[in-house]
Amino acid sequence: MSAESAPLLAVEQRDTIEIWTIQRADRMNSLSRDLLLAIGRLARDVATNPSVRVVLVTGSGDKAFCAGADLKERRGMSENDIRAQLDLYRSELGALDRCPKPVVAAINGVALGGGLELALACDLRIAAAHATLGFPETSLGIIPGAGGTQRLPRVIGEARAKEMILLGRRVSAEDALHWGLVHRVTPSGIDVVDDAVRWVAPLATGAPIAQAAALQSIDRAFDVPLEVGLELEKVNYDKTLVSEDRREALEAFAAKRTPAFRGR
């Protein structure tokens, strides 16, 4: 099978965790049009797959999670082609962002430009100790165009976001942890995906209805008035209130055993 015809995303399932690995190590796992479409397609499919409770996104090799846009592909594009590509970023990464399952970026190397935007579309981020994250776009005469100027300030604050974007500053995994850009740094010598699988174990065995309700309450209420957010929280709480999982949790507590959540 040729490199061009090989799957752009390898999919592996470990119990209730589905792992997506970008298979473009020869191009630093850069984002092509076809790769974006593959991400969006998988995100829409996994949303209704009851056997998957957590998604891990990573890159092949140990050099790059994703180095951003595929510049070889970009050189052959007109200005209108690039505008269409930006719309594709919004729709396909948006499908990942809206996924009702927790999505975790396992950042195994550099995450630059669109690669960092891909990681920001995930709910949680864990980075290898040698990972580097950044937005080099302004040094190339453009700006982040796949949500970076919007999602980054929401994660690390306006001041830090301006520093990264305006100065094109790249940050280490440790700095990213200090800034709140990543949630965990995998110790050197340990595979970041294996570490991530262990780290997300509470999600993999948790209550899917409650997790989805919590994600929706947080994500959809971020920029609305508190009173509106509280109403949204009430609506989502009711989804958990009528679930079998809630009753199972109470029975398990009374019996002093681990609950077996079924997503019902």
C-alpha atoms as a PDB file:
ATOM      1  CA  MET A   1       0.000   0.000   0.000  1.00  0.00           C
ATOM      2  CA  SER A   2       1.434   3.384  -0.976  1.00  0.00           C
ATOM      3  CA  ALA A   3       1.856   6.234   1.489  1.00  0.00           C
ATOM      4  CA  GLU A   4      -0.828   8.185  -0.362  1.00  0.00           C
ATOM      5  CA  SER A   5      -3.392   5.349  -0.182  1.00  0.00           C
ATOM      6  CA  ALA A   6      -2.631   4.280   3.402  1.00  0.00           C
ATOM      7  CA  PRO A   7      -5.148   5.295   6.094  1.00  0.00           C
ATOM      8  CA  LEU A   8      -4.492   8.803   7.363  1.00  0.00           C
ATOM      9  CA  LEU A   9      -5.731   7.857  10.832  1.00  0.00           C
ATOM     10  CA  ALA A  10      -5.066   4.507  12.467  1.00  0.00           C
ATOM     11  CA  VAL A  11      -7.836   3.525  14.887  1.00  0.00           C
ATOM     12  CA  GLU A  12      -7.229   1.243  17.860  1.00  0.00           C
ATOM     13  CA  GLN A  13      -9.620   0.447  20.687  1.00  0.00           C
ATOM     14  CA  ARG A  14      -8.403  -0.434  24.171  1.00  0.00           C
ATOM     15  CA  ASP A  15     -11.477  -1.439  26.141  1.00  0.00           C
ATOM     16  CA  THR A  16     -13.651   1.707  26.041  1.00  0.00           C
ATOM     17  CA  ILE A  17     -10.854   4.014  24.852  1.00  0.00           C
ATOM     18  CA  GLU A  18     -10.509   4.645  21.117  1.00  0.00           C
ATOM     19  CA  ILE A  19      -7.087   5.851  19.971  1.00  0.00           C
ATOM     20  CA  TRP A  20      -6.689   7.811  16.737  1.00  0.00           C
ATOM     21  CA  THR A  21      -3.117   8.068  15.465  1.00  0.00           C
ATOM     22  CA  ILE A  22      -2.276  10.421  12.600  1.00  0.00           C
ATOM     23  CA  GLN A  23      -0.265   8.435  10.052  1.00  0.00           C
ATOM     24  CA  ARG A  24       1.740  11.169   8.318  1.00  0.00           C
ATOM     25  CA  ALA A  25       5.063  11.039  10.134  1.00  0.00           C
ATOM     26  CA  ASP A  26       6.908  11.751   6.860  1.00  0.00           C
ATOM     27  CA  ARG A  27       5.141  15.141   6.807  1.00  0.00           C
ATOM     28  CA  MET A  28       5.280  15.766  10.562  1.00  0.00           C
ATOM     29  CA  ASN A  29       1.652  14.584  10.783  1.00  0.00           C
ATOM     30  CA  SER A  30       0.531  17.797   9.095  1.00  0.00           C
ATOM     31  CA  LEU A  31      -3.126  18.524   8.397  1.00  0.00           C
ATOM     32  CA  SER A  32      -4.197  17.906   4.824  1.00  0.00           C
ATOM     33  CA  ARG A  33      -7.704  18.317   3.474  1.00  0.00           C
ATOM     34  CA  ASP A  34      -8.255  14.553   3.499  1.00  0.00           C
ATOM     35  CA  LEU A  35      -6.974  14.254   7.070  1.00  0.00           C
ATOM     36  CA  LEU A  36      -9.380  16.963   8.245  1.00  0.00           C
ATOM     37  CA  LEU A  37     -12.254  15.108   6.595  1.00  0.00           C
ATOM     38  CA  ALA A  38     -11.141  11.861   8.246  1.00  0.00           C
ATOM     39  CA  ILE A  39     -11.074  13.533  11.682  1.00  0.00           C
ATOM     40  CA  GLY A  40     -14.553  14.961  11.190  1.00  0.00           C
ATOM     41  CA  ARG A  41     -15.927  11.649   9.955  1.00  0.00           C
ATOM     42  CA  LEU A  42     -14.520   9.721  12.918  1.00  0.00           C
ATOM     43  CA  ALA A  43     -15.763  12.365  15.372  1.00  0.00           C
ATOM     44  CA  ARG A  44     -19.301  12.081  14.030  1.00  0.00           C
ATOM     45  CA  ASP A  45     -19.169   8.282  14.045  1.00  0.00           C
ATOM     46  CA  VAL A  46     -17.800   7.919  17.567  1.00  0.00           C
ATOM     47  CA  ALA A  47     -20.444  10.261  18.981  1.00  0.00           C
ATOM     48  CA  THR A  48     -23.033   7.489  18.654  1.00  0.00           C
ATOM     49  CA  ASN A  49     -20.781   4.471  19.317  1.00  0.00           C
ATOM     50  CA  PRO A  50     -21.751   3.083  22.748  1.00  0.00           C
ATOM     51  CA  SER A  51     -18.586   0.950  22.963  1.00  0.00           C
ATOM     52  CA  VAL A  52     -16.379   4.079  23.114  1.00  0.00           C
ATOM     53  CA  ARG A  53     -16.300   6.314  26.175  1.00  0.00           C
ATOM     54  CA  VAL A  54     -13.056   8.233  25.581  1.00  0.00           C
ATOM     55  CA  VAL A  55     -11.147   9.290  22.465  1.00  0.00           C
ATOM     56  CA  LEU A  56      -7.368   9.792  22.428  1.00  0.00           C
ATOM     57  CA  VAL A  57      -5.832  11.710  19.516  1.00  0.00           C
ATOM     58  CA  THR A  58      -2.093  11.428  18.871  1.00  0.00           C
ATOM     59  CA  GLY A  59       0.499  11.400  16.105  1.00  0.00           C
ATOM     60  CA  SER A  60       2.746   8.664  14.768  1.00  0.00           C
ATOM     61  CA  GLY A  61       6.405   8.691  15.751  1.00  0.00           C
ATOM     62  CA  ASP A  62       7.935  10.768  18.515  1.00  0.00           C
ATOM     63  CA  LYS A  63       8.727  13.997  16.658  1.00  0.00           C
ATOM     64  CA  ALA A  64       5.339  15.523  15.927  1.00  0.00           C
ATOM     65  CA  PHE A  65       1.817  15.418  17.245  1.00  0.00           C
ATOM     66  CA  CYS A  66       0.899  17.657  14.318  1.00  0.00           C
ATOM     67  CA  ALA A  67       3.080  20.410  12.828  1.00  0.00           C
ATOM     68  CA  GLY A  68       0.133  22.335  11.386  1.00  0.00           C
ATOM     69  CA  ALA A  69      -1.111  22.779   7.845  1.00  0.00           C
ATOM     70  CA  ASP A  70       0.349  20.670   5.052  1.00  0.00           C
ATOM     71  CA  LEU A  71       2.408  23.398   3.375  1.00  0.00           C
ATOM     72  CA  LYS A  72       3.102  21.259   0.305  1.00  0.00           C
ATOM     73  CA  GLU A  73      -0.633  21.028  -0.278  1.00  0.00           C
ATOM     74  CA  ARG A  74      -1.107  24.697   0.636  1.00  0.00           C
ATOM     75  CA  ARG A  75       1.357  25.906  -2.033  1.00  0.00           C
ATOM     76  CA  GLY A  76      -0.943  24.663  -4.767  1.00  0.00           C
ATOM     77  CA  MET A  77      -4.009  26.447  -3.392  1.00  0.00           C
ATOM     78  CA  SER A  78      -5.554  29.704  -4.536  1.00  0.00           C
ATOM     79  CA  GLU A  79      -6.767  32.273  -2.015  1.00  0.00           C
ATOM     80  CA  ASN A  80     -10.316  30.952  -2.412  1.00  0.00           C
ATOM     81  CA  ASP A  81      -9.065  27.388  -1.918  1.00  0.00           C
ATOM     82  CA  ILE A  82      -7.512  28.454   1.375  1.00  0.00           C
ATOM     83  CA  ARG A  83     -10.749  30.159   2.439  1.00  0.00           C
ATOM     84  CA  ALA A  84     -12.552  26.885   1.754  1.00  0.00           C
ATOM     85  CA  GLN A  85      -9.909  25.042   3.787  1.00  0.00           C
ATOM     86  CA  LEU A  86     -10.499  27.360   6.744  1.00  0.00           C
ATOM     87  CA  ASP A  87     -14.211  26.542   6.560  1.00  0.00           C
ATOM     88  CA  LEU A  88     -13.227  22.875   6.622  1.00  0.00           C
ATOM     89  CA  TYR A  89     -11.137  23.423   9.738  1.00  0.00           C
ATOM     90  CA  ARG A  90     -14.168  24.950  11.404  1.00  0.00           C
ATOM     91  CA  SER A  91     -16.603  22.202  10.426  1.00  0.00           C
ATOM     92  CA  GLU A  92     -14.370  19.156  10.971  1.00  0.00           C
ATOM     93  CA  LEU A  93     -12.528  20.300  14.107  1.00  0.00           C
ATOM     94  CA  GLY A  94     -15.901  21.606  15.271  1.00  0.00           C
ATOM     95  CA  ALA A  95     -17.249  18.045  15.084  1.00  0.00           C
ATOM     96  CA  LEU A  96     -14.409  16.979  17.362  1.00  0.00           C
ATOM     97  CA  ASP A  97     -15.000  19.918  19.712  1.00  0.00           C
ATOM     98  CA  ARG A  98     -18.713  19.060  19.979  1.00  0.00           C
ATOM     99  CA  CYS A  99     -18.176  15.325  20.520  1.00  0.00           C
ATOM    100  CA  PRO A 100     -20.211  14.204  23.558  1.00  0.00           C
ATOM    101  CA  LYS A 101     -17.390  11.823  24.563  1.00  0.00           C
ATOM    102  CA  PRO A 102     -14.325  13.235  26.362  1.00  0.00           C
ATOM    103  CA  VAL A 103     -11.551  13.790  23.801  1.00  0.00           C
ATOM    104  CA  VAL A 104      -7.930  13.850  24.945  1.00  0.00           C
ATOM    105  CA  ALA A 105      -4.902  15.005  22.951  1.00  0.00           C
ATOM    106  CA  ALA A 106      -1.807  12.892  23.654  1.00  0.00           C
ATOM    107  CA  ILE A 107       0.820  15.328  22.365  1.00  0.00           C
ATOM    108  CA  ASN A 108       3.802  13.166  21.447  1.00  0.00           C
ATOM    109  CA  GLY A 109       5.973  15.896  19.888  1.00  0.00           C
ATOM    110  CA  VAL A 110       5.627  19.345  18.351  1.00  0.00           C
ATOM    111  CA  ALA A 111       2.126  20.809  18.172  1.00  0.00           C
ATOM    112  CA  LEU A 112       2.342  23.925  16.033  1.00  0.00           C
ATOM    113  CA  GLY A 113      -0.245  26.096  14.303  1.00  0.00           C
ATOM    114  CA  GLY A 114      -3.117  23.908  13.194  1.00  0.00           C
ATOM    115  CA  GLY A 115      -1.657  21.079  15.273  1.00  0.00           C
ATOM    116  CA  LEU A 116      -2.082  23.095  18.446  1.00  0.00           C
ATOM    117  CA  GLU A 117      -5.540  24.103  17.241  1.00  0.00           C
ATOM    118  CA  LEU A 118      -6.356  20.406  16.894  1.00  0.00           C
ATOM    119  CA  ALA A 119      -5.194  19.864  20.492  1.00  0.00           C
ATOM    120  CA  LEU A 120      -7.240  22.848  21.681  1.00  0.00           C
ATOM    121  CA  ALA A 121     -10.361  21.313  20.114  1.00  0.00           C
ATOM    122  CA  CYS A 122      -9.888  18.416  22.548  1.00  0.00           C
ATOM    123  CA  ASP A 123     -11.212  18.546  26.106  1.00  0.00           C
ATOM    124  CA  LEU A 124      -7.965  17.562  27.829  1.00  0.00           C
ATOM    125  CA  ARG A 125      -4.295  17.589  26.821  1.00  0.00           C
ATOM    126  CA  ILE A 126      -1.348  15.504  28.000  1.00  0.00           C
ATOM    127  CA  ALA A 127       2.134  16.144  26.603  1.00  0.00           C
ATOM    128  CA  ALA A 128       5.354  14.198  26.318  1.00  0.00           C
ATOM    129  CA  ALA A 129       8.229  15.818  28.212  1.00  0.00           C
ATOM    130  CA  HIS A 130       9.961  16.795  24.937  1.00  0.00           C
ATOM    131  CA  ALA A 131       6.840  18.308  23.325  1.00  0.00           C
ATOM    132  CA  THR A 132       6.825  21.900  22.081  1.00  0.00           C
ATOM    133  CA  LEU A 133       3.671  23.940  21.476  1.00  0.00           C
ATOM    134  CA  GLY A 134       3.240  27.182  19.596  1.00  0.00           C
ATOM    135  CA  PHE A 135       1.610  29.406  17.015  1.00  0.00           C
ATOM    136  CA  PRO A 136       4.175  30.589  14.413  1.00  0.00           C
ATOM    137  CA  GLU A 137       1.564  32.095  12.066  1.00  0.00           C
ATOM    138  CA  THR A 138       2.271  35.806  12.566  1.00  0.00           C
ATOM    139  CA  SER A 139       5.903  35.216  11.608  1.00  0.00           C
ATOM    140  CA  LEU A 140       4.526  33.870   8.300  1.00  0.00           C
ATOM    141  CA  GLY A 141       2.291  36.886   7.711  1.00  0.00           C
ATOM    142  CA  ILE A 142      -0.968  35.230   8.745  1.00  0.00           C
ATOM    143  CA  ILE A 143      -2.851  34.426  11.961  1.00  0.00           C
ATOM    144  CA  PRO A 144      -4.146  31.165  13.424  1.00  0.00           C
ATOM    145  CA  GLY A 145      -7.212  30.347  11.340  1.00  0.00           C
ATOM    146  CA  ALA A 146      -8.607  27.151  12.839  1.00  0.00           C
ATOM    147  CA  GLY A 147      -9.851  28.571  16.121  1.00  0.00           C
ATOM    148  CA  GLY A 148      -6.516  29.400  17.751  1.00  0.00           C
ATOM    149  CA  THR A 149      -7.266  33.058  18.441  1.00  0.00           C
ATOM    150  CA  GLN A 150     -10.537  32.022  20.119  1.00  0.00           C
ATOM    151  CA  ARG A 151      -9.789  28.785  21.968  1.00  0.00           C
ATOM    152  CA  LEU A 152      -6.323  29.678  23.280  1.00  0.00           C
ATOM    153  CA  PRO A 153      -7.433  32.758  25.299  1.00  0.00           C
ATOM    154  CA  ARG A 154     -10.271  30.706  26.773  1.00  0.00           C
ATOM    155  CA  VAL A 155      -7.755  28.146  28.008  1.00  0.00           C
ATOM    156  CA  ILE A 156      -4.785  30.225  29.198  1.00  0.00           C
ATOM    157  CA  GLY A 157      -6.157  33.768  29.348  1.00  0.00           C
ATOM    158  CA  GLU A 158      -5.863  36.754  27.052  1.00  0.00           C
ATOM    159  CA  ALA A 159      -2.410  37.931  28.176  1.00  0.00           C
ATOM    160  CA  ARG A 160      -0.664  34.587  27.708  1.00  0.00           C
ATOM    161  CA  ALA A 161      -2.495  33.979  24.439  1.00  0.00           C
ATOM    162  CA  LYS A 162      -1.323  37.314  23.049  1.00  0.00           C
ATOM    163  CA  GLU A 163       2.216  36.479  24.078  1.00  0.00           C
ATOM    164  CA  MET A 164       2.149  33.161  22.259  1.00  0.00           C
ATOM    165  CA  ILE A 165       0.387  34.412  19.133  1.00  0.00           C
ATOM    166  CA  LEU A 166       1.908  37.882  18.662  1.00  0.00           C
ATOM    167  CA  LEU A 167       5.457  36.826  19.515  1.00  0.00           C
ATOM    168  CA  GLY A 168       5.145  33.443  17.859  1.00  0.00           C
ATOM    169  CA  ARG A 169       6.478  32.027  21.121  1.00  0.00           C
ATOM    170  CA  ARG A 170       6.940  28.297  21.420  1.00  0.00           C
ATOM    171  CA  VAL A 171       6.548  26.841  24.878  1.00  0.00           C
ATOM    172  CA  SER A 172       7.922  23.677  26.420  1.00  0.00           C
ATOM    173  CA  ALA A 173       5.719  20.997  27.904  1.00  0.00           C
ATOM    174  CA  GLU A 174       6.612  22.183  31.400  1.00  0.00           C
ATOM    175  CA  ASP A 175       5.723  25.804  30.587  1.00  0.00           C
ATOM    176  CA  ALA A 176       2.505  24.613  28.967  1.00  0.00           C
ATOM    177  CA  LEU A 177       1.663  22.755  32.175  1.00  0.00           C
ATOM    178  CA  HIS A 178       2.426  25.838  34.264  1.00  0.00           C
ATOM    179  CA  TRP A 179       0.196  27.981  32.024  1.00  0.00           C
ATOM    180  CA  GLY A 180      -2.681  25.485  32.057  1.00  0.00           C
ATOM    181  CA  LEU A 181      -2.319  24.715  28.354  1.00  0.00           C
ATOM    182  CA  VAL A 182      -1.789  21.024  29.109  1.00  0.00           C
ATOM    183  CA  HIS A 183      -3.057  19.097  32.114  1.00  0.00           C
ATOM    184  CA  ARG A 184      -0.207  16.630  32.535  1.00  0.00           C
ATOM    185  CA  VAL A 185       3.355  16.046  31.338  1.00  0.00           C
ATOM    186  CA  THR A 186       4.392  12.453  30.815  1.00  0.00           C
ATOM    187  CA  PRO A 187       7.758  11.696  32.441  1.00  0.00           C
ATOM    188  CA  SER A 188      10.663  11.073  30.067  1.00  0.00           C
ATOM    189  CA  GLY A 189      11.033   7.453  29.018  1.00  0.00           C
ATOM    190  CA  ILE A 190       7.310   6.697  29.253  1.00  0.00           C
ATOM    191  CA  ASP A 191       5.101   6.469  26.170  1.00  0.00           C
ATOM    192  CA  VAL A 192       2.633   9.352  26.208  1.00  0.00           C
ATOM    193  CA  VAL A 193      -0.239   7.261  24.844  1.00  0.00           C
ATOM    194  CA  ASP A 194       0.236   4.533  27.464  1.00  0.00           C
ATOM    195  CA  ASP A 195       0.440   7.234  30.132  1.00  0.00           C
ATOM    196  CA  ALA A 196      -2.691   8.898  28.783  1.00  0.00           C
ATOM    197  CA  VAL A 197      -4.597   5.599  28.814  1.00  0.00           C
ATOM    198  CA  ARG A 198      -3.765   5.176  32.500  1.00  0.00           C
ATOM    199  CA  TRP A 199      -4.557   8.815  33.262  1.00  0.00           C
ATOM    200  CA  VAL A 200      -8.028   8.710  31.686  1.00  0.00           C
ATOM    201  CA  ALA A 201      -9.024   5.452  33.370  1.00  0.00           C
ATOM    202  CA  PRO A 202     -11.647   7.272  35.523  1.00  0.00           C
ATOM    203  CA  LEU A 203     -13.256   8.512  32.297  1.00  0.00           C
ATOM    204  CA  ALA A 204     -13.121   5.097  30.634  1.00  0.00           C
ATOM    205  CA  THR A 205     -15.008   3.491  33.500  1.00  0.00           C
ATOM    206  CA  GLY A 206     -17.153   6.499  34.391  1.00  0.00           C
ATOM    207  CA  ALA A 207     -20.787   7.354  33.723  1.00  0.00           C
ATOM    208  CA  PRO A 208     -21.153   8.352  30.040  1.00  0.00           C
ATOM    209  CA  ILE A 209     -24.425  10.248  30.474  1.00  0.00           C
ATOM    210  CA  ALA A 210     -22.999  12.310  33.314  1.00  0.00           C
ATOM    211  CA  GLN A 211     -19.781  13.016  31.398  1.00  0.00           C
ATOM    212  CA  ALA A 212     -21.670  14.164  28.311  1.00  0.00           C
ATOM    213  CA  ALA A 213     -23.967  16.327  30.422  1.00  0.00           C
ATOM    214  CA  ALA A 214     -21.008  17.914  32.216  1.00  0.00           C
ATOM    215  CA  LEU A 215     -19.227  18.636  28.930  1.00  0.00           C
ATOM    216  CA  GLN A 216     -22.313  20.260  27.456  1.00  0.00           C
ATOM    217  CA  SER A 217     -22.897  22.342  30.578  1.00  0.00           C
ATOM    218  CA  ILE A 218     -19.332  23.667  30.542  1.00  0.00           C
ATOM    219  CA  ASP A 219     -18.898  24.161  26.795  1.00  0.00           C
ATOM    220  CA  ARG A 220     -22.235  25.734  25.924  1.00  0.00           C
ATOM    221  CA  ALA A 221     -22.407  28.051  28.908  1.00  0.00           C
ATOM    222  CA  PHE A 222     -18.888  29.466  28.677  1.00  0.00           C
ATOM    223  CA  ASP A 223     -19.846  32.866  27.268  1.00  0.00           C
ATOM    224  CA  VAL A 224     -23.435  33.253  28.457  1.00  0.00           C
ATOM    225  CA  PRO A 225     -24.678  35.075  31.579  1.00  0.00           C
ATOM    226  CA  LEU A 226     -24.526  33.077  34.796  1.00  0.00           C
ATOM    227  CA  GLU A 227     -28.307  32.757  35.036  1.00  0.00           C
ATOM    228  CA  VAL A 228     -28.472  31.219  31.555  1.00  0.00           C
ATOM    229  CA  GLY A 229     -25.637  28.861  32.434  1.00  0.00           C
ATOM    230  CA  LEU A 230     -27.395  27.768  35.598  1.00  0.00           C
ATOM    231  CA  GLU A 231     -30.532  26.947  33.614  1.00  0.00           C
ATOM    232  CA  LEU A 232     -28.447  24.908  31.174  1.00  0.00           C
ATOM    233  CA  GLU A 233     -26.846  23.090  34.101  1.00  0.00           C
ATOM    234  CA  LYS A 234     -30.318  22.281  35.454  1.00  0.00           C
ATOM    235  CA  VAL A 235     -31.418  20.823  32.117  1.00  0.00           C
ATOM    236  CA  ASN A 236     -28.292  18.667  31.893  1.00  0.00           C
ATOM    237  CA  TYR A 237     -28.571  17.569  35.520  1.00  0.00           C
ATOM    238  CA  ASP A 238     -32.038  16.215  34.764  1.00  0.00           C
ATOM    239  CA  LYS A 239     -30.535  13.950  32.084  1.00  0.00           C
ATOM    240  CA  THR A 240     -28.443  12.287  34.778  1.00  0.00           C
ATOM    241  CA  LEU A 241     -31.281  12.261  37.326  1.00  0.00           C
ATOM    242  CA  VAL A 242     -33.426   9.897  35.244  1.00  0.00           C
ATOM    243  CA  SER A 243     -30.547   7.626  34.190  1.00  0.00           C
ATOM    244  CA  GLU A 244     -30.004   4.014  35.253  1.00  0.00           C
ATOM    245  CA  ASP A 245     -26.376   4.952  35.889  1.00  0.00           C
ATOM    246  CA  ARG A 246     -27.410   7.248  38.770  1.00  0.00           C
ATOM    247  CA  ARG A 247     -29.398   4.465  40.417  1.00  0.00           C
ATOM    248  CA  GLU A 248     -26.512   2.069  39.863  1.00  0.00           C
ATOM    249  CA  ALA A 249     -24.130   4.507  41.592  1.00  0.00           C
ATOM    250  CA  LEU A 250     -26.404   4.678  44.650  1.00  0.00           C
ATOM    251  CA  GLU A 251     -26.756   0.896  44.821  1.00  0.00           C
ATOM    252  CA  ALA A 252     -23.007   0.418  44.430  1.00  0.00           C
ATOM    253  CA  PHE A 253     -22.330   2.925  47.212  1.00  0.00           C
ATOM    254  CA  ALA A 254     -24.711   1.116  49.549  1.00  0.00           C
ATOM    255  CA  ALA A 255     -23.135  -2.244  48.692  1.00  0.00           C
ATOM    256  CA  LYS A 256     -19.584  -0.841  48.963  1.00  0.00           C
ATOM    257  CA  ARG A 257     -18.686  -1.952  45.440  1.00  0.00           C
ATOM    258  CA  THR A 258     -17.484  -0.269  42.256  1.00  0.00           C
ATOM    259  CA  PRO A 259     -20.404   0.885  40.061  1.00  0.00           C
ATOM    260  CA  ALA A 260     -20.805  -0.669  36.610  1.00  0.00           C
ATOM    261  CA  PHE A 261     -21.984   2.193  34.410  1.00  0.00           C
ATOM    262  CA  ARG A 262     -23.724   1.265  31.160  1.00  0.00           C
ATOM    263  CA  GLY A 263     -24.575   4.620  29.685  1.00  0.00           C
ATOM    264  CA  ARG A 264     -28.285   4.192  30.222  1.00  0.00           C
END
